[in-house]
């Protein structure tokens, strides 16, 4: 396994999820998302791992955290872009 290869991490996470090891799958998928959050399907697999581990309430918390983090990142990038204007 190459820890810097998104595809390897994604396949490992999917395999661990299929083997009913959601805690391990979650950790691997979070690492993959940290490397590149734009890879298709990573977040959906992470939500599946969270659901298997914590149930529907865990998924709701994870989605809320994701939405707030995405909003914060969007706002920060917008402010960074406006910084040169002022």
C-alpha atoms as a PDB file:
ATOM      1  CA  UNK A   1       0.000   0.000   0.000  1.00  0.00           C
ATOM      2  CA  UNK A   2       1.281   3.407  -0.944  1.00  0.00           C
ATOM      3  CA  UNK A   3       0.020   5.901   1.635  1.00  0.00           C
ATOM      4  CA  UNK A   4       0.202   8.734  -0.888  1.00  0.00           C
ATOM      5  CA  UNK A   5      -1.862   6.967  -3.568  1.00  0.00           C
ATOM      6  CA  UNK A   6      -5.524   7.976  -3.368  1.00  0.00           C
ATOM      7  CA  UNK A   7      -6.703   4.987  -5.414  1.00  0.00           C
ATOM      8  CA  UNK A   8      -4.929   2.527  -3.072  1.00  0.00           C
ATOM      9  CA  UNK A   9      -6.455   4.185  -0.035  1.00  0.00           C
ATOM     10  CA  UNK A  10      -9.893   4.181  -1.635  1.00  0.00           C
ATOM     11  CA  UNK A  11      -9.680   0.472  -2.479  1.00  0.00           C
ATOM     12  CA  UNK A  12      -8.397  -0.363   1.000  1.00  0.00           C
ATOM     13  CA  UNK A  13     -11.236   1.609   2.586  1.00  0.00           C
ATOM     14  CA  UNK A  14     -13.828  -0.135   0.394  1.00  0.00           C
ATOM     15  CA  UNK A  15     -12.321  -3.535   1.217  1.00  0.00           C
ATOM     16  CA  UNK A  16     -12.340  -2.854   4.947  1.00  0.00           C
ATOM     17  CA  UNK A  17     -15.937  -1.689   4.684  1.00  0.00           C
ATOM     18  CA  UNK A  18     -16.896  -4.879   2.844  1.00  0.00           C
ATOM     19  CA  UNK A  19     -15.147  -6.898   5.564  1.00  0.00           C
ATOM     20  CA  UNK A  20     -17.329  -5.095   8.141  1.00  0.00           C
ATOM     21  CA  UNK A  21     -14.490  -3.148   9.707  1.00  0.00           C
ATOM     22  CA  UNK A  22     -16.013   0.341   9.628  1.00  0.00           C
ATOM     23  CA  UNK A  23     -13.626   1.903  12.142  1.00  0.00           C
ATOM     24  CA  UNK A  24     -10.577   0.973  10.094  1.00  0.00           C
ATOM     25  CA  UNK A  25     -12.324   1.895   6.829  1.00  0.00           C
ATOM     26  CA  UNK A  26     -13.239   5.285   8.248  1.00  0.00           C
ATOM     27  CA  UNK A  27      -9.643   6.055   9.226  1.00  0.00           C
ATOM     28  CA  UNK A  28      -8.282   5.078   5.797  1.00  0.00           C
ATOM     29  CA  UNK A  29     -10.965   7.023   3.922  1.00  0.00           C
ATOM     30  CA  UNK A  30     -10.374  10.115   6.067  1.00  0.00           C
ATOM     31  CA  UNK A  31      -6.683   9.927   5.153  1.00  0.00           C
ATOM     32  CA  UNK A  32      -7.606   9.708   1.470  1.00  0.00           C
ATOM     33  CA  UNK A  33      -9.937  12.698   1.767  1.00  0.00           C
ATOM     34  CA  UNK A  34      -7.189  14.706   3.477  1.00  0.00           C
ATOM     35  CA  UNK A  35      -4.914  14.021   0.500  1.00  0.00           C
ATOM     36  CA  UNK A  36      -7.518  14.928  -2.121  1.00  0.00           C
ATOM     37  CA  UNK A  37     -11.119  15.663  -1.212  1.00  0.00           C
ATOM     38  CA  UNK A  38     -12.194  15.941  -4.855  1.00  0.00           C
ATOM     39  CA  UNK A  39     -11.936  12.232  -5.700  1.00  0.00           C
ATOM     40  CA  UNK A  40     -15.350  10.951  -6.682  1.00  0.00           C
ATOM     41  CA  UNK A  41     -17.011   8.568  -4.251  1.00  0.00           C
ATOM     42  CA  UNK A  42     -14.658   8.995  -1.294  1.00  0.00           C
ATOM     43  CA  UNK A  43     -17.087  10.949   0.834  1.00  0.00           C
ATOM     44  CA  UNK A  44     -19.953   8.559   0.053  1.00  0.00           C
ATOM     45  CA  UNK A  45     -17.824   5.615   1.218  1.00  0.00           C
ATOM     46  CA  UNK A  46     -16.846   7.541   4.339  1.00  0.00           C
ATOM     47  CA  UNK A  47     -20.526   8.148   5.102  1.00  0.00           C
ATOM     48  CA  UNK A  48     -21.201   4.430   4.638  1.00  0.00           C
ATOM     49  CA  UNK A  49     -18.457   3.638   7.153  1.00  0.00           C
ATOM     50  CA  UNK A  50     -19.845   6.181   9.601  1.00  0.00           C
ATOM     51  CA  UNK A  51     -23.345   4.759   9.186  1.00  0.00           C
ATOM     52  CA  UNK A  52     -22.078   1.227   9.827  1.00  0.00           C
ATOM     53  CA  UNK A  53     -20.210   2.412  12.908  1.00  0.00           C
ATOM     54  CA  UNK A  54     -22.553   5.014  14.429  1.00  0.00           C
ATOM     55  CA  UNK A  55     -25.898   4.642  12.663  1.00  0.00           C
ATOM     56  CA  UNK A  56     -28.021   7.340  11.010  1.00  0.00           C
ATOM     57  CA  UNK A  57     -27.356   9.913  13.746  1.00  0.00           C
ATOM     58  CA  UNK A  58     -23.626   9.700  13.071  1.00  0.00           C
ATOM     59  CA  UNK A  59     -24.252  10.377   9.395  1.00  0.00           C
ATOM     60  CA  UNK A  60     -26.323  13.461  10.226  1.00  0.00           C
ATOM     61  CA  UNK A  61     -23.520  14.823  12.435  1.00  0.00           C
ATOM     62  CA  UNK A  62     -20.902  14.086   9.767  1.00  0.00           C
ATOM     63  CA  UNK A  63     -22.949  15.827   7.062  1.00  0.00           C
ATOM     64  CA  UNK A  64     -23.483  18.863   9.279  1.00  0.00           C
ATOM     65  CA  UNK A  65     -19.741  19.071  10.009  1.00  0.00           C
ATOM     66  CA  UNK A  66     -18.913  18.650   6.306  1.00  0.00           C
ATOM     67  CA  UNK A  67     -21.328  21.384   5.252  1.00  0.00           C
ATOM     68  CA  UNK A  68     -19.970  23.805   7.843  1.00  0.00           C
ATOM     69  CA  UNK A  69     -16.351  23.018   6.948  1.00  0.00           C
ATOM     70  CA  UNK A  70     -17.086  23.479   3.231  1.00  0.00           C
ATOM     71  CA  UNK A  71     -18.743  26.822   3.990  1.00  0.00           C
ATOM     72  CA  UNK A  72     -15.791  27.931   6.098  1.00  0.00           C
ATOM     73  CA  UNK A  73     -13.336  26.933   3.354  1.00  0.00           C
ATOM     74  CA  UNK A  74     -15.408  28.717   0.706  1.00  0.00           C
ATOM     75  CA  UNK A  75     -15.586  31.874   2.835  1.00  0.00           C
ATOM     76  CA  UNK A  76     -11.851  31.758   3.540  1.00  0.00           C
ATOM     77  CA  UNK A  77     -11.026  31.396  -0.151  1.00  0.00           C
ATOM     78  CA  UNK A  78     -13.373  34.233  -1.035  1.00  0.00           C
ATOM     79  CA  UNK A  79     -11.756  36.471   1.580  1.00  0.00           C
ATOM     80  CA  UNK A  80      -8.288  35.519   0.365  1.00  0.00           C
ATOM     81  CA  UNK A  81      -9.302  36.511  -3.153  1.00  0.00           C
ATOM     82  CA  UNK A  82     -10.718  39.819  -1.940  1.00  0.00           C
ATOM     83  CA  UNK A  83      -7.634  40.584   0.147  1.00  0.00           C
ATOM     84  CA  UNK A  84      -5.680  41.837  -2.825  1.00  0.00           C
ATOM     85  CA  UNK A  85      -8.525  44.211  -3.718  1.00  0.00           C
ATOM     86  CA  UNK A  86      -8.405  46.042  -0.391  1.00  0.00           C
END
